[in-house]
Protein backbone atom coordinates (compact mmCIF):
# COMPACT_ATOMS: atom_id res chain seq x y z
CA MET A 1 0.03 0.02 0.00
CA SER A 2 1.11 3.58 -0.48
CA GLU A 3 2.08 5.82 2.37
CA ASN A 4 -1.05 7.96 2.21
CA LEU A 5 -3.46 5.02 2.05
CA LYS A 6 -3.80 2.59 4.92
CA THR A 7 -5.88 -0.46 5.73
CA ILE A 8 -7.71 -1.01 8.98
CA ARG A 9 -4.99 -3.50 10.08
CA GLU A 10 -2.18 -0.97 9.45
CA LEU A 11 -4.01 1.76 11.37
CA ALA A 12 -4.85 -0.66 14.25
CA GLU A 13 -1.15 -1.66 14.52
CA GLU A 14 -0.10 2.01 14.41
CA LEU A 15 -2.52 3.01 17.18
CA GLY A 16 -2.06 -0.13 19.20
CA VAL A 17 -5.78 -1.17 19.13
CA SER A 18 -7.65 -4.07 17.59
CA LYS A 19 -9.13 -4.15 14.10
CA GLN A 20 -12.61 -4.63 15.68
CA ARG A 21 -12.19 -1.33 17.55
CA ILE A 22 -11.37 0.48 14.34
CA GLN A 23 -14.42 -1.23 12.70
CA GLN A 24 -16.70 0.00 15.58
CA ILE A 25 -15.42 3.55 15.18
CA ILE A 26 -15.97 3.50 11.41
CA THR A 27 -19.59 2.29 11.86
CA ASN A 28 -20.21 5.15 14.39
CA LEU A 29 -18.83 7.83 12.04
CA SER A 30 -21.26 10.00 10.22
CA PRO A 31 -21.96 9.04 6.58
CA SER A 32 -19.99 12.05 5.33
CA LYS A 33 -16.91 10.88 7.30
CA THR A 34 -17.15 7.17 6.44
CA PRO A 35 -14.13 5.94 4.44
CA ASN A 36 -14.44 4.39 0.99
CA LYS A 37 -14.43 0.66 0.39
CA GLU A 38 -12.54 -1.14 -2.32
CA GLY A 39 -14.11 -4.53 -2.56
CA ASN A 40 -14.52 -5.78 1.05
CA ARG A 41 -11.73 -3.68 2.44
CA TYR A 42 -11.67 -0.09 3.65
CA ILE A 43 -8.91 2.03 2.16
CA LEU A 44 -8.18 4.88 4.59
CA ASN A 45 -6.71 8.13 3.31
CA SER A 46 -5.20 10.77 5.62
CA ARG A 47 -8.55 12.47 6.17
CA ASP A 48 -10.20 9.15 7.18
CA VAL A 49 -7.33 8.41 9.56
CA HIS A 50 -7.74 11.89 11.06
CA ASN A 51 -11.52 11.36 11.54
CA ILE A 52 -10.94 7.98 13.24
CA LYS A 53 -8.27 9.47 15.55
CA VAL A 54 -10.61 12.33 16.45
CA SER A 55 -13.43 9.83 17.25
CA MET A 56 -11.05 7.93 19.48
CA GLY A 57 -9.97 11.14 21.21
CA ILE A 58 -6.35 10.76 20.11
CA GLU A 59 -6.36 13.93 17.97
CA ASN A 60 -8.16 17.20 18.38
CA ASP A 61 -10.37 18.37 15.64
CA ASN A 62 -8.93 21.87 15.90
CA LYS A 63 -8.57 22.35 12.22
CA SER A 64 -12.21 21.57 11.49
CA THR A 65 -13.31 23.47 14.61
CA ILE A 66 -11.30 26.43 13.48
CA GLU A 67 -12.72 26.15 9.97
CA THR A 68 -16.19 25.83 11.32
CA THR A 69 -15.66 28.67 13.76
CA ASN A 70 -14.26 30.81 10.96
CA ARG A 71 -17.30 30.03 8.86
CA VAL A 72 -19.61 30.85 11.73
CA VAL A 73 -17.68 34.07 12.41
CA GLU A 74 -17.71 34.96 8.74
CA TYR A 75 -21.42 34.31 8.54
CA ASP A 76 -22.03 36.37 11.68
CA VAL A 77 -19.91 39.22 10.30
CA TYR A 78 -21.83 38.93 7.05
CA LEU A 79 -25.18 39.16 8.95
CA ASP A 80 -23.86 42.12 10.99
CA LEU A 81 -22.80 43.83 7.77
CA ILE A 82 -26.24 43.23 6.31
CA ASP A 83 -27.83 44.74 9.40
CA VAL A 84 -25.51 47.75 9.29
CA ILE A 85 -26.24 48.26 5.57
CA LYS A 86 -30.03 48.08 6.20
CA GLU A 87 -29.66 50.60 9.02
CA LYS A 88 -27.62 52.93 6.85
CA ASP A 89 -30.21 52.60 4.06
CA ASN A 90 -32.94 53.64 6.52
CA GLN A 91 -30.83 56.54 7.71
CA ILE A 92 -30.25 57.61 4.06
CA LYS A 93 -33.98 57.43 3.39
CA ASN A 94 -34.73 59.52 6.45
CA LEU A 95 -32.12 62.07 5.50
CA LEU A 96 -33.54 62.34 2.00
CA GLU A 97 -37.04 62.92 3.42
CA VAL A 98 -35.64 65.63 5.72
CA GLN A 99 -33.81 67.17 2.78
CA LYS A 100 -37.01 67.27 0.75
CA GLN A 101 -38.91 68.88 3.63
CA THR A 102 -36.10 71.42 4.14
CA GLN A 103 -36.09 72.22 0.41
CA ASN A 104 -39.88 72.72 0.45
CA LEU A 105 -39.59 75.00 3.45
CA LEU A 106 -36.82 76.96 1.82
CA ASP A 107 -38.90 77.36 -1.33
CA GLN A 108 -41.87 78.59 0.70
CA GLN A 109 -39.67 81.02 2.57
CA GLN A 110 -38.30 82.43 -0.66
CA ARG A 111 -41.82 82.79 -2.14
CA LEU A 112 -42.98 84.58 1.01
CA ALA A 113 -39.96 86.88 0.92
CA LEU A 114 -40.70 87.74 -2.71
CA GLN A 115 -44.36 88.43 -1.89
CA ASP A 116 -43.30 90.66 1.00
CA LYS A 117 -40.92 92.58 -1.29
CA GLN A 118 -43.68 93.02 -3.91
CA LEU A 119 -46.10 94.28 -1.22
CA LEU A 120 -43.51 96.75 0.10
CA ASP A 121 -42.91 98.03 -3.43
CA GLU A 122 -46.67 98.42 -3.91
CA TYR A 123 -47.01 100.21 -0.61
CA LYS A 124 -44.16 102.55 -1.50
CA ALA A 125 -45.73 103.32 -4.85
CA GLU A 126 -49.10 104.02 -3.13
CA ILE A 127 -47.39 106.29 -0.62
CA LYS A 128 -45.69 108.22 -3.40
CA ASP A 129 -48.98 108.56 -5.21
CA LEU A 130 -50.69 109.78 -2.07
CA GLN A 131 -47.89 112.24 -1.39
CA ALA A 132 -48.08 113.53 -4.94
CA LEU A 133 -51.87 114.06 -4.52
CA THR A 134 -51.51 115.85 -1.18
CA SER A 135 -48.42 117.82 -1.99
CA PRO A 136 -49.99 120.48 -4.26
CA SER A 137 -52.76 121.28 -1.81
CA GLN A 138 -50.24 121.43 0.99
CA ASN A 139 -48.08 123.77 -1.10
CA ILE A 140 -51.06 126.01 -1.80
CA GLU A 141 -52.00 126.07 1.88
CA ARG A 142 -48.41 126.85 2.82
CA ASP A 143 -48.38 129.67 0.29
CA ASN A 144 -51.69 131.01 1.68
CA VAL A 145 -50.38 130.82 5.25
CA SER A 146 -47.14 132.50 4.36
CA GLN A 147 -48.98 135.24 2.43
CA LYS A 148 -51.31 135.85 5.41
CA GLU A 149 -48.33 136.11 7.73
CA THR A 150 -46.61 138.65 5.49
CA THR A 151 -49.77 140.72 5.11
CA GLU A 152 -50.42 140.68 8.82
CA GLU A 153 -46.87 141.75 9.61
CA SER A 154 -46.68 144.46 7.01
CA PRO A 155 -49.59 146.66 8.31
CA GLN A 156 -48.16 146.56 11.81
CA ASN A 157 -44.79 147.52 10.49
CA LYS A 158 -46.23 150.35 8.56
CA LYS A 159 -48.08 151.70 11.48
CA TRP A 160 -45.29 151.41 13.95
CA TRP A 161 -42.43 152.74 11.89
CA PRO A 162 -44.13 155.85 10.71
CA PHE A 163 -45.01 156.86 14.27
CA ARG A 164 -41.52 156.38 15.40
CA LYS A 165 -40.10 158.36 12.56
CA ARG A 166 -42.59 161.12 13.16
CA GLY A 167 -41.96 161.07 16.81
CA GLN A 168 -38.25 161.30 16.26
CA LYS A 169 -38.65 164.19 13.89
CA ASN A 170 -40.96 166.07 16.27
CA ASP A 171 -38.67 165.75 19.27
């Protein structure tokens, strides 16, 4: 037989147990770990030998445990990443909704500011029109008032100055 392949007898001699003990262990192995038969004899490769030794407690199944653990860890990491991605997707959706609301509010604010500006311009135009309408009458009234003041002052001045001049001449 080759070095990699062994029979039950060779493995039993190597381990110091009987062939019947190796036969019992092989029958207790799971179907996926059962070695192949060639005719009526089992031909054991290195993996089969390892599985038998693990079942006997001679070897630890660290390699398969590590592989299984790594697969479990990888799967858990994968699930965690999926959860994180879903959470980030929800956060992005929420942020997009907030952005839309903010944009709508900004648009409304700009429209209101434009309406306010238009109203102010209209009010200024109305005030100018009203001032233009009231300005001529106010100018006429001011002219009338100023004319009355000048006419009222002038007779007093005429009366007072002539007396003074006369009085000064007579003295």
